[in-house]
Amino acid sequence: MSALRLSRLAALATLVAALNAGAAPIELAGVKLDDHLDLQGTPLVLNGAGIRYKTIIKVYTAGLYVPKKAGTPDELLDAPGPKRMTITMLRDIDANELGKLFTRGVEDNSPHAAMSQLIPGLLRMSQIFSERKNLHAGDSFTIDWLPARGTVISVNGLAQGEPIKEQAFFNALMRIWLGPSPADWKLKDDLLGKS
């Protein structure tokens, strides 16, 4: 091998190592979140992550992945391409109760006129959680927006039923955490990368 080719290979190896060094996962309450992931061939970056507290109790970690970092809810919701919210439970919880809390979060952060369009998706989401009975500490679920398919909800890595096609439904779910009345104000700032 020529010295020039070896030099180029060494430079490439150094670049790859530098990129991977910046790709260290973050850890929240024992849950590791990668700062990058690939969602159906699209690279996503961790926009922000945090812990959902109920009073002083840690309920779950949440991480929001997008194609390009954004600092406002509108930028995040309007950005094209796939997106992912990942949630890992930090304590056991009645899954049906969590589904009800998510529905209330959608209602609190959506215009009243839009609610009729969201009802089919909310019923499907409620069914997913009521079928689970309980979510245990360490269980995780993802809410993916896949432009060609819709919103896909997966529990412990398994997709739950058919995608919900309307982007308005995905955006309504994201407003649970990013809307004007978020589930947790500190978590909203964390997901927006402000902490």
Protein backbone atom coordinates (compact mmCIF):
# COMPACT_ATOMS: atom_id res chain seq x y z
CA MET A 1 0.00 0.00 0.00
CA SER A 2 1.30 3.42 -0.83
CA ALA A 3 2.16 5.90 1.89
CA LEU A 4 -0.49 8.30 0.54
CA ARG A 5 -3.19 5.63 0.73
CA LEU A 6 -2.14 4.67 4.27
CA SER A 7 -2.23 8.33 5.24
CA ARG A 8 -5.76 8.69 3.85
CA LEU A 9 -6.93 5.56 5.66
CA ALA A 10 -5.44 6.85 8.92
CA ALA A 11 -7.17 10.22 8.44
CA LEU A 12 -10.48 8.46 7.74
CA ALA A 13 -10.08 6.27 10.85
CA THR A 14 -9.36 9.38 12.94
CA LEU A 15 -12.48 11.11 11.56
CA VAL A 16 -14.69 8.08 12.28
CA ALA A 17 -13.28 7.84 15.81
CA ALA A 18 -13.92 11.56 16.39
CA LEU A 19 -17.50 11.26 15.15
CA ASN A 20 -18.13 8.21 17.32
CA ALA A 21 -16.60 9.94 20.34
CA GLY A 22 -19.27 12.64 20.02
CA ALA A 23 -21.96 9.97 19.79
CA ALA A 24 -21.84 8.95 23.43
CA PRO A 25 -25.19 8.06 24.96
CA ILE A 26 -26.60 10.13 27.78
CA GLU A 27 -27.96 8.49 30.90
CA LEU A 28 -31.03 9.58 32.86
CA ALA A 29 -32.10 7.65 35.96
CA GLY A 30 -30.21 4.61 34.67
CA VAL A 31 -31.76 4.76 31.17
CA LYS A 32 -29.33 5.24 28.29
CA LEU A 33 -30.39 7.34 25.31
CA ASP A 34 -28.19 7.47 22.23
CA ASP A 35 -27.59 10.91 20.81
CA HIS A 36 -28.26 9.56 17.29
CA LEU A 37 -30.43 6.78 15.88
CA ASP A 38 -31.60 5.55 12.51
CA LEU A 39 -35.35 5.38 11.87
CA GLN A 40 -36.14 3.49 8.68
CA GLY A 41 -33.06 4.77 6.89
CA THR A 42 -33.26 8.36 8.19
CA PRO A 43 -30.66 9.50 10.71
CA LEU A 44 -32.20 11.29 13.70
CA VAL A 45 -30.55 13.31 16.47
CA LEU A 46 -31.61 13.57 20.08
CA ASN A 47 -33.23 17.00 20.33
CA GLY A 48 -33.58 16.67 24.08
CA ALA A 49 -34.35 14.27 26.90
CA GLY A 50 -35.60 14.45 30.45
CA ILE A 51 -37.51 12.84 33.27
CA ARG A 52 -41.25 13.14 33.87
CA TYR A 53 -41.92 13.79 37.55
CA LYS A 54 -45.24 13.47 39.35
CA THR A 55 -44.63 15.62 42.42
CA ILE A 56 -41.24 14.19 43.49
CA ILE A 57 -41.67 10.71 41.98
CA LYS A 58 -39.81 9.83 38.79
CA VAL A 59 -42.37 8.35 36.38
CA TYR A 60 -40.51 7.91 33.07
CA THR A 61 -37.69 9.18 30.90
CA ALA A 62 -38.49 10.72 27.52
CA GLY A 63 -36.27 11.43 24.54
CA LEU A 64 -37.27 13.26 21.37
CA TYR A 65 -35.46 12.40 18.12
CA VAL A 66 -35.74 14.56 14.99
CA PRO A 67 -33.84 14.92 11.68
CA LYS A 68 -32.51 18.35 12.70
CA LYS A 69 -32.43 19.98 16.13
CA ALA A 70 -35.06 22.62 16.82
CA GLY A 71 -35.71 24.91 19.78
CA THR A 72 -39.47 25.57 19.61
CA PRO A 73 -42.52 23.31 19.49
CA ASP A 74 -43.59 24.77 16.13
CA GLU A 75 -40.17 24.11 14.58
CA LEU A 76 -40.30 20.51 15.80
CA LEU A 77 -43.86 19.82 14.71
CA ASP A 78 -43.49 21.54 11.32
CA ALA A 79 -40.16 19.90 10.45
CA PRO A 80 -40.45 17.35 7.63
CA GLY A 81 -39.33 13.77 8.00
CA PRO A 82 -39.60 11.03 10.60
CA LYS A 83 -39.59 11.74 14.33
CA ARG A 84 -39.55 9.58 17.45
CA MET A 85 -40.54 10.05 21.07
CA THR A 86 -39.13 7.29 23.24
CA ILE A 87 -40.40 6.70 26.78
CA THR A 88 -39.00 4.29 29.36
CA MET A 89 -40.93 3.68 32.55
CA LEU A 90 -39.10 4.28 35.83
CA ARG A 91 -41.85 2.78 37.97
CA ASP A 92 -44.78 0.42 37.57
CA ILE A 93 -47.98 2.09 36.41
CA ASP A 94 -51.45 1.03 35.38
CA ALA A 95 -51.28 1.23 31.58
CA ASN A 96 -54.95 2.16 31.28
CA GLU A 97 -54.40 5.10 33.65
CA LEU A 98 -51.40 6.23 31.58
CA GLY A 99 -53.56 6.09 28.44
CA LYS A 100 -56.18 8.27 30.18
CA LEU A 101 -53.49 10.77 31.20
CA PHE A 102 -52.25 10.95 27.61
CA THR A 103 -55.81 11.52 26.36
CA ARG A 104 -56.25 14.31 28.91
CA GLY A 105 -52.91 15.78 27.80
CA VAL A 106 -54.11 15.84 24.18
CA GLU A 107 -57.39 17.49 25.24
CA ASP A 108 -55.54 20.12 27.30
CA ASN A 109 -53.26 21.06 24.40
CA SER A 110 -55.47 20.81 21.31
CA PRO A 111 -58.02 23.28 19.96
CA HIS A 112 -61.55 22.16 20.81
CA ALA A 113 -62.51 22.15 17.09
CA ALA A 114 -59.70 19.66 16.31
CA MET A 115 -60.77 17.08 18.90
CA SER A 116 -63.35 15.35 16.67
CA GLN A 117 -60.60 14.53 14.15
CA LEU A 118 -58.39 13.11 16.91
CA ILE A 119 -60.99 10.77 18.46
CA PRO A 120 -60.24 7.69 16.26
CA GLY A 121 -56.53 7.90 17.08
CA LEU A 122 -57.20 8.49 20.78
CA LEU A 123 -59.52 5.46 20.91
CA ARG A 124 -56.83 3.33 19.24
CA MET A 125 -54.18 4.58 21.67
CA SER A 126 -56.48 3.91 24.64
CA GLN A 127 -57.04 0.38 23.35
CA ILE A 128 -53.28 -0.21 23.09
CA PHE A 129 -52.74 0.80 26.71
CA SER A 130 -55.82 -0.93 28.12
CA GLU A 131 -54.71 -4.22 26.49
CA ARG A 132 -51.35 -3.98 28.32
CA LYS A 133 -52.88 -3.77 31.83
CA ASN A 134 -49.58 -2.63 33.41
CA LEU A 135 -46.35 -1.06 32.36
CA HIS A 136 -43.44 -2.02 34.57
CA ALA A 137 -40.23 -0.19 35.41
CA GLY A 138 -37.93 -0.75 32.43
CA ASP A 139 -40.75 -1.16 29.88
CA SER A 140 -40.46 1.24 26.99
CA PHE A 141 -42.59 2.50 24.18
CA THR A 142 -42.02 4.67 21.17
CA ILE A 143 -44.25 6.99 19.22
CA ASP A 144 -42.89 7.27 15.67
CA TRP A 145 -43.98 9.60 12.90
CA LEU A 146 -43.23 7.90 9.57
CA PRO A 147 -44.39 10.22 6.75
CA ALA A 148 -45.27 7.39 4.35
CA ARG A 149 -47.15 5.38 7.01
CA GLY A 150 -48.34 7.54 9.89
CA THR A 151 -47.99 7.29 13.67
CA VAL A 152 -46.69 3.94 14.86
CA ILE A 153 -46.85 3.15 18.56
CA SER A 154 -44.57 0.33 19.70
CA VAL A 155 -44.37 -1.23 23.17
CA ASN A 156 -41.10 -2.94 24.08
CA GLY A 157 -40.12 -2.88 20.41
CA LEU A 158 -43.34 -4.41 19.03
CA ALA A 159 -45.61 -2.25 16.82
CA GLN A 160 -49.16 -2.14 18.18
CA GLY A 161 -51.68 -2.44 15.36
CA GLU A 162 -51.98 -0.34 12.24
CA PRO A 163 -50.43 3.13 11.94
CA ILE A 164 -52.65 6.14 12.54
CA LYS A 165 -52.27 8.02 9.27
CA GLU A 166 -52.99 11.67 10.14
CA GLN A 167 -50.01 13.81 11.09
CA ALA A 168 -52.39 15.91 13.19
CA PHE A 169 -52.64 12.94 15.57
CA PHE A 170 -48.86 12.65 15.98
CA ASN A 171 -48.60 16.42 16.54
CA ALA A 172 -51.41 16.25 19.12
CA LEU A 173 -49.51 13.53 20.99
CA MET A 174 -46.31 15.60 20.94
CA ARG A 175 -48.21 18.54 22.42
CA ILE A 176 -48.74 16.45 25.56
CA TRP A 177 -45.10 17.32 26.29
CA LEU A 178 -44.56 20.38 24.07
CA GLY A 179 -47.91 22.18 24.14
CA PRO A 180 -49.09 25.26 26.06
CA SER A 181 -50.13 23.08 29.04
CA PRO A 182 -47.43 20.38 29.04
CA ALA A 183 -47.43 17.36 31.32
CA ASP A 184 -44.26 18.73 32.95
CA TRP A 185 -42.75 22.17 32.24
CA LYS A 186 -39.18 21.08 33.07
CA LEU A 187 -39.54 18.07 30.75
CA LYS A 188 -40.78 20.38 27.99
CA ASP A 189 -37.62 22.49 28.34
CA ASP A 190 -35.49 19.35 28.40
CA LEU A 191 -37.08 17.98 25.21
CA LEU A 192 -36.53 21.34 23.51
CA GLY A 193 -32.86 21.15 24.48
CA LYS A 194 -33.07 24.17 26.81
CA SER A 195 -31.62 22.49 29.89
